[in-house]
Structure formats: C-alpha cells, structure tokens
Amino acid sequence: MNVHEAKTHFSRLIDAAHAGETIVVAKGGRPWARLMPLEQPMPQRQPGVLAGRIPLPPPKALLEPLPEEELAALEQPLP
C-alpha cells in the first residue's frame, strides 16, 4: 500500500493491525514501513483475587514442622 493510500485509510489500517494483520507501506514503490499489532501486555497481578476461594490452614499450622515422612520424601531424588 502506498503512503497516499495509507494516509487516506489510516483508521481502517490501524484497526486491521490491531486485529493481527501486518500492513506494509511503500514509498516510491519500495517497502518503507510496517504497521503491525503491539504485543499484548502481561496481565497485572492483583493481590487478593482468590481470597475466600481457596481454604488455607491457620497460620499456626503453616509454621509447624513437617512430619518425618514428608521430610524424608523431600530428600528422595525425583523419578
């Protein structure tokens, strides 16, 4: 697509790029620029999203030592 046509249809072109299409713009009959979609940003973490959905033991239970059989299992190599 040449520069003049790209200027005329710019709004349509950015919508197409946003939808995943890559548009090459030519100047003087040679490829000059590329219009393409941006990478999607990584979703932001939101603390507390799962609050109340996953039952957790009380903090005291989390701080207790592990039973001997669980400690021994941690020392075993993975299969």
Protein backbone atom coordinates (compact mmCIF):
# COMPACT_ATOMS: atom_id res chain seq x y z
CA MET A 1 0.00 0.00 0.00
CA ASN A 2 1.44 3.39 -0.93
CA VAL A 3 1.77 6.30 1.50
CA HIS A 4 -1.10 8.32 -0.01
CA GLU A 5 -3.50 5.38 0.23
CA ALA A 6 -2.30 4.64 3.78
CA LYS A 7 -2.99 8.24 4.84
CA THR A 8 -6.45 8.06 3.31
CA HIS A 9 -7.34 4.80 5.07
CA PHE A 10 -5.24 5.13 8.24
CA SER A 11 -8.10 4.47 10.66
CA ARG A 12 -9.05 1.27 8.82
CA LEU A 13 -5.39 0.20 8.71
CA ILE A 14 -4.80 0.59 12.44
CA ASP A 15 -7.98 -1.40 13.12
CA ALA A 16 -6.67 -4.15 10.84
CA ALA A 17 -3.28 -4.09 12.58
CA HIS A 18 -4.96 -4.27 15.96
CA ALA A 19 -6.82 -7.36 14.72
CA GLY A 20 -3.48 -9.05 13.99
CA GLU A 21 -2.75 -8.07 10.40
CA THR A 22 0.63 -6.66 9.27
CA ILE A 23 0.47 -3.86 6.72
CA VAL A 24 3.49 -2.82 4.64
CA VAL A 25 3.52 0.79 3.47
CA ALA A 26 5.51 1.63 0.35
CA LYS A 27 7.12 4.90 -0.65
CA GLY A 28 8.29 5.32 -4.21
CA GLY A 29 7.25 1.74 -4.95
CA ARG A 30 9.57 0.28 -2.29
CA PRO A 31 8.59 -1.12 1.10
CA TRP A 32 9.16 1.68 3.60
CA ALA A 33 7.38 0.90 6.87
CA ARG A 34 5.42 -1.83 8.60
CA LEU A 35 2.25 -1.34 10.63
CA MET A 36 1.66 -4.28 12.96
CA PRO A 37 -0.10 -5.07 16.23
CA LEU A 38 1.58 -4.45 19.56
CA GLU A 39 2.37 -7.40 21.77
CA GLN A 40 -0.25 -7.88 24.45
CA PRO A 41 1.00 -6.63 27.82
CA MET A 42 1.47 -9.13 30.61
CA PRO A 43 -1.57 -9.13 32.87
CA GLN A 44 -1.02 -7.32 36.15
CA ARG A 45 -1.12 -9.36 39.33
CA GLN A 46 -3.95 -8.47 41.67
CA PRO A 47 -3.42 -9.44 45.30
CA GLY A 48 -6.47 -10.95 46.93
CA VAL A 49 -8.17 -12.17 43.75
CA LEU A 50 -8.55 -15.67 45.21
CA ALA A 51 -9.39 -14.52 48.73
CA GLY A 52 -12.05 -16.79 50.16
CA ARG A 53 -11.88 -19.24 47.24
CA ILE A 54 -9.00 -21.39 48.45
CA PRO A 55 -9.12 -22.63 52.03
CA LEU A 56 -5.82 -22.19 53.84
CA PRO A 57 -4.86 -23.70 57.15
CA PRO A 58 -4.43 -21.28 60.05
CA PRO A 59 -1.00 -19.57 60.21
CA LYS A 60 -0.01 -21.61 63.27
CA ALA A 61 -0.40 -24.85 61.29
CA LEU A 62 1.75 -23.48 58.48
CA LEU A 63 4.60 -22.79 60.91
CA GLU A 64 4.62 -26.26 62.47
CA PRO A 65 7.47 -28.61 61.48
CA LEU A 66 6.75 -31.16 58.75
CA PRO A 67 6.23 -34.79 59.78
CA GLU A 68 9.33 -37.01 59.46
CA GLU A 69 7.92 -38.99 56.49
CA GLU A 70 7.36 -35.77 54.49
CA LEU A 71 10.88 -34.55 55.30
CA ALA A 72 12.29 -37.91 54.18
CA ALA A 73 10.27 -37.73 50.93
CA LEU A 74 11.83 -34.32 50.18
CA GLU A 75 15.29 -35.88 50.34
CA GLN A 76 14.47 -38.52 47.72
CA PRO A 77 15.56 -37.85 44.11
CA LEU A 78 12.82 -37.20 41.58
CA PRO A 79 11.92 -40.16 39.32
